[in-house]
Structures are given as structure tokens and as C-alpha cells.
PDB file of N, CA and C in Angstrom:
ATOM      1  N   MET A   1     -27.488  57.424  64.694  1.00  0.00           N
ATOM      2  CA  MET A   1     -25.942  57.242  64.620  1.00  0.00           C
ATOM      3  C   MET A   1     -25.753  57.409  63.116  1.00  0.00           C
ATOM      4  N   THR A   2     -24.570  58.138  62.812  1.00  0.00           N
ATOM      5  CA  THR A   2     -24.166  58.536  61.438  1.00  0.00           C
ATOM      6  C   THR A   2     -23.674  57.408  60.744  1.00  0.00           C
ATOM      7  N   ALA A   3     -23.494  57.507  59.334  1.00  0.00           N
ATOM      8  CA  ALA A   3     -22.815  56.390  58.765  1.00  0.00           C
ATOM      9  C   ALA A   3     -21.324  56.226  58.729  1.00  0.00           C
ATOM     10  N   THR A   4     -20.922  56.744  59.726  1.00  0.00           N
ATOM     11  CA  THR A   4     -19.525  56.927  59.879  1.00  0.00           C
ATOM     12  C   THR A   4     -18.811  55.685  60.888  1.00  0.00           C
ATOM     13  N   TYR A   5     -17.629  55.557  60.834  1.00  0.00           N
ATOM     14  CA  TYR A   5     -16.987  54.550  61.502  1.00  0.00           C
ATOM     15  C   TYR A   5     -15.888  55.532  62.667  1.00  0.00           C
ATOM     16  N   HIS A   6     -15.602  54.393  63.433  1.00  0.00           N
ATOM     17  CA  HIS A   6     -14.676  55.031  64.405  1.00  0.00           C
ATOM     18  C   HIS A   6     -13.422  53.809  64.306  1.00  0.00           C
ATOM     19  N   LEU A   7     -12.050  54.534  64.305  1.00  0.00           N
ATOM     20  CA  LEU A   7     -11.228  53.411  63.995  1.00  0.00           C
ATOM     21  C   LEU A   7     -10.329  53.838  65.467  1.00  0.00           C
ATOM     22  N   MET A   8     -10.247  52.409  66.395  1.00  0.00           N
ATOM     23  CA  MET A   8      -9.727  52.261  67.435  1.00  0.00           C
ATOM     24  C   MET A   8      -8.275  52.257  67.403  1.00  0.00           C
ATOM     25  N   ALA A   9      -7.764  52.768  68.304  1.00  0.00           N
ATOM     26  CA  ALA A   9      -6.222  52.787  68.479  1.00  0.00           C
ATOM     27  C   ALA A   9      -5.530  51.563  68.724  1.00  0.00           C
ATOM     28  N   VAL A  10      -4.407  51.054  67.784  1.00  0.00           N
ATOM     29  CA  VAL A  10      -3.884  49.830  67.907  1.00  0.00           C
ATOM     30  C   VAL A  10      -3.361  49.430  69.276  1.00  0.00           C
ATOM     31  N   THR A  11      -3.025  50.278  70.337  1.00  0.00           N
ATOM     32  CA  THR A  11      -3.079  49.889  71.683  1.00  0.00           C
ATOM     33  C   THR A  11      -3.729  50.184  72.682  1.00  0.00           C
ATOM     34  N   GLY A  12      -4.108  49.330  73.721  1.00  0.00           N
ATOM     35  CA  GLY A  12      -5.240  49.471  74.342  1.00  0.00           C
ATOM     36  C   GLY A  12      -5.796  48.368  74.881  1.00  0.00           C
ATOM     37  N   PRO A  13      -6.829  48.123  75.753  1.00  0.00           N
ATOM     38  CA  PRO A  13      -7.074  46.753  76.142  1.00  0.00           C
ATOM     39  C   PRO A  13      -7.480  46.228  75.155  1.00  0.00           C
ATOM     40  N   VAL A  14      -7.236  44.796  75.468  1.00  0.00           N
ATOM     41  CA  VAL A  14      -7.794  43.835  74.705  1.00  0.00           C
ATOM     42  C   VAL A  14      -9.052  42.928  74.789  1.00  0.00           C
ATOM     43  N   LEU A  15      -9.810  42.955  73.748  1.00  0.00           N
ATOM     44  CA  LEU A  15     -11.139  42.246  73.955  1.00  0.00           C
ATOM     45  C   LEU A  15     -10.784  40.617  74.061  1.00  0.00           C
ATOM     46  N   ALA A  16     -10.761  40.169  75.270  1.00  0.00           N
ATOM     47  CA  ALA A  16     -10.603  38.829  75.648  1.00  0.00           C
ATOM     48  C   ALA A  16     -11.409  37.950  76.364  1.00  0.00           C
ATOM     49  N   ARG A  17     -12.677  38.636  76.313  1.00  0.00           N
ATOM     50  CA  ARG A  17     -13.883  37.973  77.200  1.00  0.00           C
ATOM     51  C   ARG A  17     -15.057  38.804  76.246  1.00  0.00           C
ATOM     52  N   GLU A  18     -16.258  38.072  76.384  1.00  0.00           N
ATOM     53  CA  GLU A  18     -17.501  38.588  75.954  1.00  0.00           C
ATOM     54  C   GLU A  18     -18.002  40.004  76.527  1.00  0.00           C
ATOM     55  N   GLU A  19     -17.529  40.027  77.804  1.00  0.00           N
ATOM     56  CA  GLU A  19     -18.106  41.131  78.670  1.00  0.00           C
ATOM     57  C   GLU A  19     -17.172  42.412  78.326  1.00  0.00           C
ATOM     58  N   ASP A  20     -16.160  42.256  77.677  1.00  0.00           N
ATOM     59  CA  ASP A  20     -15.084  43.321  77.011  1.00  0.00           C
ATOM     60  C   ASP A  20     -15.631  44.166  75.943  1.00  0.00           C
ATOM     61  N   ALA A  21     -16.728  43.279  75.438  1.00  0.00           N
ATOM     62  CA  ALA A  21     -17.330  43.750  74.116  1.00  0.00           C
ATOM     63  C   ALA A  21     -17.989  45.156  74.376  1.00  0.00           C
ATOM     64  N   ASN A  22     -18.548  45.130  75.577  1.00  0.00           N
ATOM     65  CA  ASN A  22     -19.270  46.332  76.240  1.00  0.00           C
ATOM     66  C   ASN A  22     -18.362  47.690  76.137  1.00  0.00           C
ATOM     67  N   ASP A  23     -17.136  47.646  76.352  1.00  0.00           N
ATOM     68  CA  ASP A  23     -16.218  48.924  76.351  1.00  0.00           C
ATOM     69  C   ASP A  23     -15.916  48.946  74.763  1.00  0.00           C
ATOM     70  N   PHE A  24     -15.817  48.275  74.039  1.00  0.00           N
ATOM     71  CA  PHE A  24     -15.640  48.400  72.587  1.00  0.00           C
ATOM     72  C   PHE A  24     -16.962  49.155  72.047  1.00  0.00           C
ATOM     73  N   LEU A  25     -18.039  48.633  72.487  1.00  0.00           N
ATOM     74  CA  LEU A  25     -19.554  49.200  71.754  1.00  0.00           C
ATOM     75  C   LEU A  25     -19.441  50.600  72.728  1.00  0.00           C
ATOM     76  N   SER A  26     -19.189  50.849  73.940  1.00  0.00           N
ATOM     77  CA  SER A  26     -19.010  52.303  74.276  1.00  0.00           C
ATOM     78  C   SER A  26     -18.404  53.178  73.535  1.00  0.00           C
ATOM     79  N   GLU A  27     -17.023  52.918  73.043  1.00  0.00           N
ATOM     80  CA  GLU A  27     -16.304  53.440  72.487  1.00  0.00           C
ATOM     81  C   GLU A  27     -16.934  54.083  70.997  1.00  0.00           C
ATOM     82  N   ALA A  28     -17.521  53.117  70.713  1.00  0.00           N
ATOM     83  CA  ALA A  28     -18.490  53.474  69.210  1.00  0.00           C
ATOM     84  C   ALA A  28     -19.374  54.279  69.556  1.00  0.00           C
ATOM     85  N   TRP A  29     -20.230  54.071  70.624  1.00  0.00           N
ATOM     86  CA  TRP A  29     -21.289  54.986  70.862  1.00  0.00           C
ATOM     87  C   TRP A  29     -20.721  56.742  71.210  1.00  0.00           C
ATOM     88  N   ALA A  30     -19.798  56.579  72.002  1.00  0.00           N
ATOM     89  CA  ALA A  30     -19.158  57.794  72.174  1.00  0.00           C
ATOM     90  C   ALA A  30     -18.574  58.347  71.255  1.00  0.00           C
ATOM     91  N   ASN A  31     -18.239  57.975  69.970  1.00  0.00           N
ATOM     92  CA  ASN A  31     -17.830  58.931  68.841  1.00  0.00           C
ATOM     93  C   ASN A  31     -18.999  58.762  67.709  1.00  0.00           C
ATOM     94  N   ASP A  32     -20.267  58.499  68.175  1.00  0.00           N
ATOM     95  CA  ASP A  32     -21.459  58.542  67.223  1.00  0.00           C
ATOM     96  C   ASP A  32     -21.248  57.711  65.952  1.00  0.00           C
ATOM     97  N   ALA A  33     -20.743  56.308  66.152  1.00  0.00           N
ATOM     98  CA  ALA A  33     -20.074  55.631  65.146  1.00  0.00           C
ATOM     99  C   ALA A  33     -21.221  54.461  64.507  1.00  0.00           C
ATOM    100  N   ALA A  34     -21.498  54.448  63.423  1.00  0.00           N
ATOM    101  CA  ALA A  34     -22.222  53.252  62.906  1.00  0.00           C
ATOM    102  C   ALA A  34     -21.287  51.905  62.893  1.00  0.00           C
ATOM    103  N   TRP A  35     -20.044  51.961  62.832  1.00  0.00           N
ATOM    104  CA  TRP A  35     -19.059  50.982  62.629  1.00  0.00           C
ATOM    105  C   TRP A  35     -18.007  51.430  63.482  1.00  0.00           C
ATOM    106  N   LEU A  36     -17.576  50.482  63.847  1.00  0.00           N
ATOM    107  CA  LEU A  36     -16.261  50.164  65.066  1.00  0.00           C
ATOM    108  C   LEU A  36     -15.363  49.411  64.280  1.00  0.00           C
ATOM    109  N   ALA A  37     -14.155  50.180  63.853  1.00  0.00           N
ATOM    110  CA  ALA A  37     -13.100  49.461  63.372  1.00  0.00           C
ATOM    111  C   ALA A  37     -12.160  49.111  64.354  1.00  0.00           C
ATOM    112  N   VAL A  38     -11.694  47.672  64.488  1.00  0.00           N
ATOM    113  CA  VAL A  38     -10.815  47.370  65.408  1.00  0.00           C
ATOM    114  C   VAL A  38      -9.736  46.385  65.025  1.00  0.00           C
ATOM    115  N   PRO A  39      -8.773  47.122  65.406  1.00  0.00           N
ATOM    116  CA  PRO A  39      -7.081  46.495  64.700  1.00  0.00           C
ATOM    117  C   PRO A  39      -7.168  45.150  65.269  1.00  0.00           C
ATOM    118  N   ARG A  40      -6.693  44.083  64.517  1.00  0.00           N
ATOM    119  CA  ARG A  40      -6.557  42.780  65.290  1.00  0.00           C
ATOM    120  C   ARG A  40      -5.547  42.841  66.399  1.00  0.00           C
ATOM    121  N   GLU A  41      -4.607  43.689  66.421  1.00  0.00           N
ATOM    122  CA  GLU A  41      -3.959  43.595  67.994  1.00  0.00           C
ATOM    123  C   GLU A  41      -4.548  44.058  69.289  1.00  0.00           C
ATOM    124  N   ARG A  42      -5.850  44.201  68.869  1.00  0.00           N
ATOM    125  CA  ARG A  42      -7.012  44.746  70.101  1.00  0.00           C
ATOM    126  C   ARG A  42      -7.640  43.689  70.333  1.00  0.00           C
ATOM    127  N   LEU A  43      -7.434  42.286  69.916  1.00  0.00           N
ATOM    128  CA  LEU A  43      -8.269  41.129  69.954  1.00  0.00           C
ATOM    129  C   LEU A  43      -7.306  39.820  70.342  1.00  0.00           C
ATOM    130  N   ALA A  44      -7.894  39.136  71.493  1.00  0.00           N
ATOM    131  CA  ALA A  44      -6.808  37.931  72.105  1.00  0.00           C
ATOM    132  C   ALA A  44      -6.742  36.805  70.853  1.00  0.00           C
ATOM    133  N   PRO A  45      -5.860  36.351  70.763  1.00  0.00           N
ATOM    134  CA  PRO A  45      -5.796  35.186  69.989  1.00  0.00           C
ATOM    135  C   PRO A  45      -6.668  34.179  69.730  1.00  0.00           C
ATOM    136  N   ASP A  46      -7.376  33.862  71.239  1.00  0.00           N
ATOM    137  CA  ASP A  46      -8.673  33.003  71.077  1.00  0.00           C
ATOM    138  C   ASP A  46      -9.688  33.467  70.195  1.00  0.00           C
ATOM    139  N   PHE A  47      -9.811  35.090  70.059  1.00  0.00           N
ATOM    140  CA  PHE A  47     -10.629  35.576  69.329  1.00  0.00           C
ATOM    141  C   PHE A  47     -11.059  34.745  68.081  1.00  0.00           C
ATOM    142  N   PHE A  48     -10.352  34.618  67.304  1.00  0.00           N
ATOM    143  CA  PHE A  48     -10.200  33.886  65.909  1.00  0.00           C
ATOM    144  C   PHE A  48     -10.402  32.578  65.969  1.00  0.00           C
ATOM    145  N   ARG A  49     -10.385  31.666  67.222  1.00  0.00           N
ATOM    146  CA  ARG A  49     -10.809  30.375  67.227  1.00  0.00           C
ATOM    147  C   ARG A  49     -12.427  30.398  67.108  1.00  0.00           C
ATOM    148  N   LEU A  50     -12.724  29.630  66.403  1.00  0.00           N
ATOM    149  CA  LEU A  50     -14.490  29.554  66.388  1.00  0.00           C
ATOM    150  C   LEU A  50     -14.676  28.896  67.376  1.00  0.00           C
ATOM    151  N   SER A  51     -14.152  27.536  67.969  1.00  0.00           N
ATOM    152  CA  SER A  51     -14.367  26.737  69.306  1.00  0.00           C
ATOM    153  C   SER A  51     -14.626  27.625  70.190  1.00  0.00           C
ATOM    154  N   THR A  52     -13.907  28.652  70.581  1.00  0.00           N
ATOM    155  CA  THR A  52     -14.027  29.468  71.885  1.00  0.00           C
ATOM    156  C   THR A  52     -15.363  30.275  71.999  1.00  0.00           C
ATOM    157  N   ARG A  53     -15.996  30.531  70.904  1.00  0.00           N
ATOM    158  CA  ARG A  53     -17.301  31.058  70.549  1.00  0.00           C
ATOM    159  C   ARG A  53     -17.400  32.806  70.961  1.00  0.00           C
ATOM    160  N   LEU A  54     -16.209  33.049  71.274  1.00  0.00           N
ATOM    161  CA  LEU A  54     -15.901  34.300  71.578  1.00  0.00           C
ATOM    162  C   LEU A  54     -16.370  35.315  70.354  1.00  0.00           C
ATOM    163  N   LEU A  55     -15.653  34.989  69.532  1.00  0.00           N
ATOM    164  CA  LEU A  55     -15.927  35.710  68.004  1.00  0.00           C
ATOM    165  C   LEU A  55     -17.516  35.884  67.668  1.00  0.00           C
ATOM    166  N   GLY A  56     -18.165  34.863  67.832  1.00  0.00           N
ATOM    167  CA  GLY A  56     -19.738  34.611  67.592  1.00  0.00           C
ATOM    168  C   GLY A  56     -20.350  35.281  68.653  1.00  0.00           C
ATOM    169  N   SER A  57     -20.128  35.366  69.902  1.00  0.00           N
ATOM    170  CA  SER A  57     -20.762  35.861  70.889  1.00  0.00           C
ATOM    171  C   SER A  57     -20.655  37.821  70.615  1.00  0.00           C
ATOM    172  N   VAL A  58     -19.575  38.046  70.378  1.00  0.00           N
ATOM    173  CA  VAL A  58     -19.177  39.519  70.236  1.00  0.00           C
ATOM    174  C   VAL A  58     -19.806  39.898  69.050  1.00  0.00           C
ATOM    175  N   ALA A  59     -20.021  39.126  67.764  1.00  0.00           N
ATOM    176  CA  ALA A  59     -20.430  39.552  66.663  1.00  0.00           C
ATOM    177  C   ALA A  59     -21.699  39.769  66.851  1.00  0.00           C
ATOM    178  N   GLN A  60     -22.603  38.816  67.701  1.00  0.00           N
ATOM    179  CA  GLN A  60     -24.053  38.888  68.108  1.00  0.00           C
ATOM    180  C   GLN A  60     -24.414  39.949  68.957  1.00  0.00           C
ATOM    181  N   LYS A  61     -23.438  40.413  69.793  1.00  0.00           N
ATOM    182  CA  LYS A  61     -23.851  41.627  70.522  1.00  0.00           C
ATOM    183  C   LYS A  61     -23.633  42.834  69.992  1.00  0.00           C
ATOM    184  N   PHE A  62     -22.640  42.964  68.820  1.00  0.00           N
ATOM    185  CA  PHE A  62     -22.559  44.297  68.075  1.00  0.00           C
ATOM    186  C   PHE A  62     -23.751  44.284  67.325  1.00  0.00           C
ATOM    187  N   GLN A  63     -24.099  43.227  66.631  1.00  0.00           N
ATOM    188  CA  GLN A  63     -25.559  43.346  65.806  1.00  0.00           C
ATOM    189  C   GLN A  63     -26.764  43.403  66.655  1.00  0.00           C
ATOM    190  N   ASN A  64     -27.055  43.150  67.999  1.00  0.00           N
ATOM    191  CA  ASN A  64     -27.958  43.175  68.717  1.00  0.00           C
ATOM    192  C   ASN A  64     -28.073  44.948  68.772  1.00  0.00           C
ATOM    193  N   TYR A  65     -26.933  45.591  68.841  1.00  0.00           N
ATOM    194  CA  TYR A  65     -26.797  47.011  69.264  1.00  0.00           C
ATOM    195  C   TYR A  65     -26.544  47.661  68.007  1.00  0.00           C
ATOM    196  N   ASN A  66     -26.937  47.090  67.151  1.00  0.00           N
ATOM    197  CA  ASN A  66     -27.035  47.442  65.662  1.00  0.00           C
ATOM    198  C   ASN A  66     -25.682  48.610  65.399  1.00  0.00           C
ATOM    199  N   VAL A  67     -24.686  48.109  65.830  1.00  0.00           N
ATOM    200  CA  VAL A  67     -23.281  48.651  65.324  1.00  0.00           C
ATOM    201  C   VAL A  67     -22.463  47.617  64.649  1.00  0.00           C
ATOM    202  N   GLY A  68     -22.106  47.914  63.490  1.00  0.00           N
ATOM    203  CA  GLY A  68     -20.998  47.045  62.603  1.00  0.00           C
ATOM    204  C   GLY A  68     -19.837  47.222  63.244  1.00  0.00           C
ATOM    205  N   LEU A  69     -19.081  45.760  62.947  1.00  0.00           N
ATOM    206  CA  LEU A  69     -17.694  45.648  63.496  1.00  0.00           C
ATOM    207  C   LEU A  69     -16.822  45.262  62.476  1.00  0.00           C
ATOM    208  N   ALA A  70     -15.917  46.268  62.299  1.00  0.00           N
ATOM    209  CA  ALA A  70     -14.925  45.631  61.290  1.00  0.00           C
ATOM    210  C   ALA A  70     -13.603  45.320  61.648  1.00  0.00           C
ATOM    211  N   ILE A  71     -12.881  44.461  61.470  1.00  0.00           N
ATOM    212  CA  ILE A  71     -11.907  43.712  62.235  1.00  0.00           C
ATOM    213  C   ILE A  71     -10.643  43.986  60.874  1.00  0.00           C
ATOM    214  N   LEU A  72      -9.731  44.632  61.217  1.00  0.00           N
ATOM    215  CA  LEU A  72      -8.648  44.968  60.636  1.00  0.00           C
ATOM    216  C   LEU A  72      -7.339  44.540  60.587  1.00  0.00           C
ATOM    217  N   GLY A  73      -6.829  43.904  59.571  1.00  0.00           N
ATOM    218  CA  GLY A  73      -5.639  43.225  59.937  1.00  0.00           C
ATOM    219  C   GLY A  73      -5.490  42.059  58.665  1.00  0.00           C
ATOM    220  N   ASP A  74      -4.303  41.329  59.033  1.00  0.00           N
ATOM    221  CA  ASP A  74      -3.850  39.820  58.262  1.00  0.00           C
ATOM    222  C   ASP A  74      -4.633  38.645  58.654  1.00  0.00           C
ATOM    223  N   PHE A  75      -5.214  37.929  58.220  1.00  0.00           N
ATOM    224  CA  PHE A  75      -5.744  36.700  58.556  1.00  0.00           C
ATOM    225  C   PHE A  75      -5.435  35.596  58.056  1.00  0.00           C
ATOM    226  N   GLU A  76      -4.455  35.866  56.849  1.00  0.00           N
ATOM    227  CA  GLU A  76      -3.988  34.847  56.109  1.00  0.00           C
ATOM    228  C   GLU A  76      -3.947  33.363  56.971  1.00  0.00           C
ATOM    229  N   SER A  77      -3.153  33.491  58.090  1.00  0.00           N
ATOM    230  CA  SER A  77      -2.871  32.309  58.831  1.00  0.00           C
ATOM    231  C   SER A  77      -3.902  31.573  59.279  1.00  0.00           C
ATOM    232  N   GLU A  78      -4.817  32.165  59.832  1.00  0.00           N
ATOM    233  CA  GLU A  78      -6.249  31.655  60.346  1.00  0.00           C
ATOM    234  C   GLU A  78      -7.083  31.307  59.299  1.00  0.00           C
ATOM    235  N   VAL A  79      -6.960  31.868  58.225  1.00  0.00           N
ATOM    236  CA  VAL A  79      -7.736  31.358  57.127  1.00  0.00           C
ATOM    237  C   VAL A  79      -7.156  29.883  56.504  1.00  0.00           C
ATOM    238  N   ALA A  80      -5.703  30.017  56.396  1.00  0.00           N
ATOM    239  CA  ALA A  80      -4.981  28.781  55.892  1.00  0.00           C
ATOM    240  C   ALA A  80      -5.249  27.557  56.772  1.00  0.00           C
ATOM    241  N   GLU A  81      -5.247  27.740  58.336  1.00  0.00           N
ATOM    242  CA  GLU A  81      -5.396  26.690  59.307  1.00  0.00           C
ATOM    243  C   GLU A  81      -6.769  26.060  59.239  1.00  0.00           C
ATOM    244  N   SER A  82      -7.757  26.974  59.066  1.00  0.00           N
ATOM    245  CA  SER A  82      -9.001  26.529  59.448  1.00  0.00           C
ATOM    246  C   SER A  82     -10.025  26.859  58.316  1.00  0.00           C
ATOM    247  N   ALA A  83     -10.563  25.630  57.593  1.00  0.00           N
ATOM    248  CA  ALA A  83     -11.674  26.016  56.690  1.00  0.00           C
ATOM    249  C   ALA A  83     -13.044  26.622  57.325  1.00  0.00           C
ATOM    250  N   ALA A  84     -13.338  26.250  58.465  1.00  0.00           N
ATOM    251  CA  ALA A  84     -14.431  26.915  59.034  1.00  0.00           C
ATOM    252  C   ALA A  84     -14.260  28.249  59.271  1.00  0.00           C
ATOM    253  N   PHE A  85     -13.006  28.845  59.556  1.00  0.00           N
ATOM    254  CA  PHE A  85     -13.190  30.180  59.791  1.00  0.00           C
ATOM    255  C   PHE A  85     -12.814  31.118  58.437  1.00  0.00           C
ATOM    256  N   ARG A  86     -12.202  30.288  57.402  1.00  0.00           N
ATOM    257  CA  ARG A  86     -12.569  30.631  55.909  1.00  0.00           C
ATOM    258  C   ARG A  86     -13.606  30.959  55.612  1.00  0.00           C
ATOM    259  N   ASP A  87     -14.272  29.916  55.855  1.00  0.00           N
ATOM    260  CA  ASP A  87     -15.893  30.154  55.482  1.00  0.00           C
ATOM    261  C   ASP A  87     -16.677  30.874  56.196  1.00  0.00           C
ATOM    262  N   PHE A  88     -16.119  31.377  57.508  1.00  0.00           N
ATOM    263  CA  PHE A  88     -16.952  32.303  58.359  1.00  0.00           C
ATOM    264  C   PHE A  88     -16.730  33.731  57.813  1.00  0.00           C
ATOM    265  N   VAL A  89     -15.571  33.871  57.419  1.00  0.00           N
ATOM    266  CA  VAL A  89     -14.845  35.125  56.952  1.00  0.00           C
ATOM    267  C   VAL A  89     -15.703  35.639  55.726  1.00  0.00           C
ATOM    268  N   ARG A  90     -15.637  34.522  54.690  1.00  0.00           N
ATOM    269  CA  ARG A  90     -16.099  34.727  53.571  1.00  0.00           C
ATOM    270  C   ARG A  90     -17.592  34.982  53.708  1.00  0.00           C
ATOM    271  N   GLU A  91     -18.386  34.466  54.690  1.00  0.00           N
ATOM    272  CA  GLU A  91     -19.901  34.715  54.659  1.00  0.00           C
ATOM    273  C   GLU A  91     -20.067  35.854  55.333  1.00  0.00           C
ATOM    274  N   THR A  92     -19.499  36.434  56.379  1.00  0.00           N
ATOM    275  CA  THR A  92     -19.849  37.602  57.263  1.00  0.00           C
ATOM    276  C   THR A  92     -19.388  38.955  56.065  1.00  0.00           C
ATOM    277  N   ASN A  93     -18.363  38.573  55.384  1.00  0.00           N
ATOM    278  CA  ASN A  93     -18.021  39.848  54.390  1.00  0.00           C
ATOM    279  C   ASN A  93     -18.828  39.703  53.229  1.00  0.00           C
ATOM    280  N   GLN A  94     -19.912  39.122  53.153  1.00  0.00           N
ATOM    281  CA  GLN A  94     -20.708  39.415  52.210  1.00  0.00           C
ATOM    282  C   GLN A  94     -22.240  39.980  52.837  1.00  0.00           C
ATOM    283  N   ARG A  95     -22.119  40.182  54.271  1.00  0.00           N
ATOM    284  CA  ARG A  95     -23.381  40.682  54.820  1.00  0.00           C
ATOM    285  C   ARG A  95     -22.918  41.900  55.482  1.00  0.00           C
ATOM    286  N   ARG A  96     -24.006  42.757  56.278  1.00  0.00           N
ATOM    287  CA  ARG A  96     -23.286  43.807  56.717  1.00  0.00           C
ATOM    288  C   ARG A  96     -23.025  44.190  58.064  1.00  0.00           C
ATOM    289  N   ALA A  97     -22.936  43.027  58.975  1.00  0.00           N
ATOM    290  CA  ALA A  97     -22.918  43.424  60.508  1.00  0.00           C
ATOM    291  C   ALA A  97     -21.223  43.083  60.781  1.00  0.00           C
ATOM    292  N   LEU A  98     -20.809  42.208  60.210  1.00  0.00           N
ATOM    293  CA  LEU A  98     -19.251  42.056  60.343  1.00  0.00           C
ATOM    294  C   LEU A  98     -18.378  42.012  59.316  1.00  0.00           C
ATOM    295  N   TRP A  99     -17.113  42.638  59.437  1.00  0.00           N
ATOM    296  CA  TRP A  99     -16.426  42.602  58.199  1.00  0.00           C
ATOM    297  C   TRP A  99     -14.886  42.352  58.736  1.00  0.00           C
ATOM    298  N   PHE A 100     -14.203  41.665  57.964  1.00  0.00           N
ATOM    299  CA  PHE A 100     -12.721  41.207  58.084  1.00  0.00           C
ATOM    300  C   PHE A 100     -12.192  42.029  57.009  1.00  0.00           C
ATOM    301  N   VAL A 101     -11.228  43.060  57.029  1.00  0.00           N
ATOM    302  CA  VAL A 101     -10.640  43.796  55.843  1.00  0.00           C
ATOM    303  C   VAL A 101      -9.186  44.002  56.518  1.00  0.00           C
ATOM    304  N   ALA A 102      -8.325  44.231  55.321  1.00  0.00           N
ATOM    305  CA  ALA A 102      -7.039  44.169  55.513  1.00  0.00           C
ATOM    306  C   ALA A 102      -6.563  45.466  56.287  1.00  0.00           C
ATOM    307  N   ASN A 103      -7.252  46.473  55.679  1.00  0.00           N
ATOM    308  CA  ASN A 103      -6.856  48.153  56.391  1.00  0.00           C
ATOM    309  C   ASN A 103      -8.056  48.829  56.151  1.00  0.00           C
ATOM    310  N   GLU A 104      -7.555  50.037  56.861  1.00  0.00           N
ATOM    311  CA  GLU A 104      -8.740  51.093  56.781  1.00  0.00           C
ATOM    312  C   GLU A 104      -9.249  51.333  55.374  1.00  0.00           C
ATOM    313  N   THR A 105      -8.249  51.374  54.548  1.00  0.00           N
ATOM    314  CA  THR A 105      -8.703  51.772  53.035  1.00  0.00           C
ATOM    315  C   THR A 105      -9.727  50.984  52.407  1.00  0.00           C
ATOM    316  N   GLN A 106      -9.609  49.568  52.575  1.00  0.00           N
ATOM    317  CA  GLN A 106     -10.528  48.546  52.291  1.00  0.00           C
ATOM    318  C   GLN A 106     -11.771  48.685  53.143  1.00  0.00           C
ATOM    319  N   LEU A 107     -11.791  49.239  54.151  1.00  0.00           N
ATOM    320  CA  LEU A 107     -13.131  49.349  54.947  1.00  0.00           C
ATOM    321  C   LEU A 107     -13.639  50.538  54.455  1.00  0.00           C
ATOM    322  N   GLN A 108     -13.075  51.657  53.871  1.00  0.00           N
ATOM    323  CA  GLN A 108     -13.715  52.679  53.434  1.00  0.00           C
ATOM    324  C   GLN A 108     -14.421  52.461  51.634  1.00  0.00           C
ATOM    325  N   GLU A 109     -13.411  51.758  51.201  1.00  0.00           N
ATOM    326  CA  GLU A 109     -14.015  51.061  49.969  1.00  0.00           C
ATOM    327  C   GLU A 109     -15.181  50.097  50.240  1.00  0.00           C
ATOM    328  N   LYS A 110     -15.390  49.326  51.430  1.00  0.00           N
ATOM    329  CA  LYS A 110     -16.845  48.474  51.564  1.00  0.00           C
ATOM    330  C   LYS A 110     -17.766  49.531  51.514  1.00  0.00           C
ATOM    331  N   LEU A 111     -17.321  50.458  52.751  1.00  0.00           N
ATOM    332  CA  LEU A 111     -18.454  51.253  53.111  1.00  0.00           C
ATOM    333  C   LEU A 111     -19.166  52.207  52.002  1.00  0.00           C
ATOM    334  N   GLY A 112     -18.245  52.601  51.124  1.00  0.00           N
ATOM    335  CA  GLY A 112     -18.429  53.462  49.897  1.00  0.00           C
ATOM    336  C   GLY A 112     -19.191  52.600  48.986  1.00  0.00           C
ATOM    337  N   ALA A 113     -18.910  51.437  48.927  1.00  0.00           N
ATOM    338  CA  ALA A 113     -19.742  50.516  47.949  1.00  0.00           C
ATOM    339  C   ALA A 113     -20.855  50.176  48.560  1.00  0.00           C
ATOM    340  N   GLU A 114     -21.278  50.201  49.805  1.00  0.00           N
ATOM    341  CA  GLU A 114     -22.591  49.897  50.388  1.00  0.00           C
ATOM    342  C   GLU A 114     -23.370  51.311  50.146  1.00  0.00           C
ATOM    343  N   THR A 115     -22.989  52.391  50.243  1.00  0.00           N
ATOM    344  CA  THR A 115     -23.561  53.706  50.131  1.00  0.00           C
ATOM    345  C   THR A 115     -24.086  53.556  48.809  1.00  0.00           C
ATOM    346  N   ALA A 116     -23.330  53.432  47.863  1.00  0.00           N
ATOM    347  CA  ALA A 116     -23.625  53.483  46.496  1.00  0.00           C
ATOM    348  C   ALA A 116     -24.651  52.750  45.972  1.00  0.00           C
ATOM    349  N   ALA A 117     -24.883  51.400  46.639  1.00  0.00           N
ATOM    350  CA  ALA A 117     -25.899  50.406  46.304  1.00  0.00           C
ATOM    351  C   ALA A 117     -27.066  50.944  46.715  1.00  0.00           C
TER     352      ALA A 117
END
């Protein structure tokens, strides 16, 4: 795989179950992408509730297949509502497998910083 990313369209099937992650991974592979950038609109509302375990399961699946997952969007309301989610976002943004970023520009900056390091 290259060091590139693939940005999914804002419209399309929503990742609502762990099994849906396979279709998202397939899109990354079809585009020879090391990272898949997924707009938050493509994720079910339950995705951001840690108690559902959907986010953790999907993140683990992406990590198992060595594909980075970048989730693009505004997460301020979720961060404000849940200290656990806020901690999760902070922790994952310090690693390499899963990032929460505001937009594609921020993703490019993080990827650039990682390449420069």
C-alpha cells in the first residue's frame, strides 16, 4: 500500500454494524490507500457511543488489516457529553491507527507531520 489516503464520499451506505466495516475496508483496498478518510455522515449515530462497542470493533478491524481510519467532522458535542469519548479521541489521535480530524486539510497535516518525523 502507498502512504496515501482515500476520502469517501459524504453520501452512501452508512457504517452501522461491525460487518459494514468490510465494505469500507474494501474501498480502501480498491483505491490502494493506506488510510481511509470517512466523513462522520457515513457513520451511524451509535458509532460514537462507546457503550455500543461499534467504534472499538471497527477500529480493531482496521488495525488488524493495517489500514488507518480517519474520521472527519465535528465531534464537539460528543466530546462535551462524554468524558470517556473525549479521552478516547485524545488517546487515539496520539497513535497511528485511528484519528478524529475536523477536515481533510487537518488529515493531510497529520499525515505530513508523520512522514516528516
